[in-house]
C-alpha atoms as a PDB file:
ATOM      1  CA  MET A   1     -34.143  12.506  12.770  1.00  0.00           C
ATOM      2  CA  GLY A   2     -34.902  15.549  10.595  1.00  0.00           C
ATOM      3  CA  GLN A   3     -38.042  16.301   8.682  1.00  0.00           C
ATOM      4  CA  LEU A   4     -38.514  15.903   4.859  1.00  0.00           C
ATOM      5  CA  PHE A   5     -39.706  18.848   2.965  1.00  0.00           C
ATOM      6  CA  ASP A   6     -42.517  18.875   0.467  1.00  0.00           C
ATOM      7  CA  ALA A   7     -41.429  18.989  -3.189  1.00  0.00           C
ATOM      8  CA  GLU A   8     -43.377  22.320  -3.518  1.00  0.00           C
ATOM      9  CA  LYS A   9     -40.765  24.137  -1.324  1.00  0.00           C
ATOM     10  CA  TYR A  10     -38.018  23.053  -3.721  1.00  0.00           C
ATOM     11  CA  ALA A  11     -40.257  23.963  -6.710  1.00  0.00           C
ATOM     12  CA  GLU A  12     -40.567  27.473  -5.299  1.00  0.00           C
ATOM     13  CA  VAL A  13     -36.890  27.905  -4.877  1.00  0.00           C
ATOM     14  CA  ARG A  14     -36.417  26.601  -8.485  1.00  0.00           C
ATOM     15  CA  GLN A  15     -38.988  29.034  -9.789  1.00  0.00           C
ATOM     16  CA  GLN A  16     -37.506  31.981  -7.905  1.00  0.00           C
ATOM     17  CA  LEU A  17     -33.968  31.442  -9.181  1.00  0.00           C
ATOM     18  CA  THR A  18     -35.111  30.584 -12.637  1.00  0.00           C
ATOM     19  CA  GLU A  19     -36.953  33.782 -12.931  1.00  0.00           C
ATOM     20  CA  ARG A  20     -34.127  36.010 -11.480  1.00  0.00           C
ATOM     21  CA  PHE A  21     -31.141  34.230 -13.440  1.00  0.00           C
ATOM     22  CA  GLY A  22     -32.938  32.663 -16.503  1.00  0.00           C
ATOM     23  CA  GLY A  23     -32.109  29.023 -15.529  1.00  0.00           C
ATOM     24  CA  LEU A  24     -30.584  26.732 -13.043  1.00  0.00           C
ATOM     25  CA  THR A  25     -29.183  23.390 -12.441  1.00  0.00           C
ATOM     26  CA  ALA A  26     -30.725  21.379  -9.470  1.00  0.00           C
ATOM     27  CA  PHE A  27     -29.068  18.364  -7.964  1.00  0.00           C
ATOM     28  CA  THR A  28     -32.174  16.946  -6.176  1.00  0.00           C
ATOM     29  CA  ARG A  29     -32.706  13.385  -7.409  1.00  0.00           C
ATOM     30  CA  SER A  30     -30.377  11.756  -5.153  1.00  0.00           C
ATOM     31  CA  PRO A  31     -29.432  14.181  -2.501  1.00  0.00           C
ATOM     32  CA  ALA A  32     -25.892  14.228  -1.187  1.00  0.00           C
ATOM     33  CA  GLN A  33     -25.518  13.191   2.435  1.00  0.00           C
ATOM     34  CA  GLY A  34     -23.609  15.438   4.832  1.00  0.00           C
ATOM     35  CA  THR A  35     -22.492  14.431   8.423  1.00  0.00           C
ATOM     36  CA  THR A  36     -21.626  16.873  11.300  1.00  0.00           C
ATOM     37  CA  THR A  37     -21.188  16.220  15.048  1.00  0.00           C
ATOM     38  CA  GLU A  38     -23.339  18.141  17.590  1.00  0.00           C
ATOM     39  CA  ASN A  39     -22.678  17.470  21.335  1.00  0.00           C
ATOM     40  CA  GLY A  40     -20.497  14.590  20.510  1.00  0.00           C
ATOM     41  CA  LYS A  41     -23.097  12.844  18.390  1.00  0.00           C
ATOM     42  CA  PRO A  42     -23.161  12.492  14.501  1.00  0.00           C
ATOM     43  CA  VAL A  43     -26.069  14.255  12.772  1.00  0.00           C
ATOM     44  CA  HIS A  44     -26.847  13.371   9.152  1.00  0.00           C
ATOM     45  CA  ASP A  45     -28.363  15.721   6.591  1.00  0.00           C
ATOM     46  CA  GLU A  46     -29.617  15.309   3.097  1.00  0.00           C
ATOM     47  CA  ILE A  47     -28.204  18.179   1.014  1.00  0.00           C
ATOM     48  CA  VAL A  48     -29.833  19.677  -2.166  1.00  0.00           C
ATOM     49  CA  VAL A  49     -27.801  21.889  -4.440  1.00  0.00           C
ATOM     50  CA  PHE A  50     -29.216  24.464  -6.729  1.00  0.00           C
ATOM     51  CA  GLU A  51     -26.672  26.173  -9.058  1.00  0.00           C
ATOM     52  CA  VAL A  52     -26.980  29.295 -11.150  1.00  0.00           C
ATOM     53  CA  MET A  53     -24.581  31.271 -13.358  1.00  0.00           C
ATOM     54  CA  THR A  54     -24.389  35.025 -13.474  1.00  0.00           C
ATOM     55  CA  GLU A  55     -22.070  37.648 -14.787  1.00  0.00           C
ATOM     56  CA  ALA A  56     -22.404  39.830 -11.652  1.00  0.00           C
ATOM     57  CA  LEU A  57     -22.522  38.823  -8.106  1.00  0.00           C
ATOM     58  CA  ASP A  58     -25.086  40.806  -5.984  1.00  0.00           C
ATOM     59  CA  VAL A  59     -23.717  39.837  -2.571  1.00  0.00           C
ATOM     60  CA  SER A  60     -26.430  41.884  -0.723  1.00  0.00           C
ATOM     61  CA  TRP A  61     -29.293  40.058  -2.539  1.00  0.00           C
ATOM     62  CA  TRP A  62     -27.804  36.679  -1.890  1.00  0.00           C
ATOM     63  CA  GLY A  63     -27.295  37.476   1.811  1.00  0.00           C
ATOM     64  CA  SER A  64     -30.954  38.345   2.052  1.00  0.00           C
ATOM     65  CA  TYR A  65     -32.018  35.360   0.042  1.00  0.00           C
ATOM     66  CA  ARG A  66     -29.950  33.077   2.244  1.00  0.00           C
ATOM     67  CA  LEU A  67     -31.678  34.310   5.375  1.00  0.00           C
ATOM     68  CA  CYS A  68     -35.066  33.894   3.728  1.00  0.00           C
ATOM     69  CA  LEU A  69     -34.211  30.273   2.831  1.00  0.00           C
ATOM     70  CA  GLU A  70     -33.006  29.628   6.435  1.00  0.00           C
ATOM     71  CA  ARG A  71     -36.293  30.807   7.815  1.00  0.00           C
ATOM     72  CA  GLU A  72     -38.334  28.977   5.138  1.00  0.00           C
ATOM     73  CA  PHE A  73     -36.646  25.739   5.581  1.00  0.00           C
ATOM     74  CA  ARG A  74     -36.065  26.144   9.283  1.00  0.00           C
ATOM     75  CA  GLN A  75     -32.215  25.656   9.081  1.00  0.00           C
ATOM     76  CA  ASP A  76     -29.396  26.960  11.252  1.00  0.00           C
ATOM     77  CA  GLN A  77     -27.411  27.640   8.201  1.00  0.00           C
ATOM     78  CA  ILE A  78     -27.728  27.381   4.533  1.00  0.00           C
ATOM     79  CA  VAL A  79     -24.526  27.677   2.429  1.00  0.00           C
ATOM     80  CA  VAL A  80     -24.488  30.001  -0.355  1.00  0.00           C
ATOM     81  CA  ARG A  81     -21.289  30.001  -2.254  1.00  0.00           C
ATOM     82  CA  ALA A  82     -19.821  31.890  -5.270  1.00  0.00           C
ATOM     83  CA  SER A  83     -16.934  30.528  -7.509  1.00  0.00           C
ATOM     84  CA  THR A  84     -15.260  32.216 -10.525  1.00  0.00           C
ATOM     85  CA  VAL A  85     -15.699  30.068 -13.601  1.00  0.00           C
ATOM     86  CA  THR A  86     -13.563  30.365 -16.760  1.00  0.00           C
ATOM     87  CA  LEU A  87     -15.600  29.119 -19.760  1.00  0.00           C
ATOM     88  CA  LEU A  88     -13.375  27.305 -22.284  1.00  0.00           C
END
């Protein structure tokens, strides 16, 4: 079974992203659950989502930040995704 992370780790991410982007939405109260298969056995993860909006996508910064988060949270992979949004 995986290890839970201290709330301070999530607070640090929240602070870093808020300082850089001026705000964020965090989906942390009831983490989503993910399931993958490793060596034929199911592996369950709790997933936390942080969402920011920005006019310009700095791919280099996000790549570096993702690597930093993977080290900090000891994860094989953290997903950072970008979507185009049309405000109505």
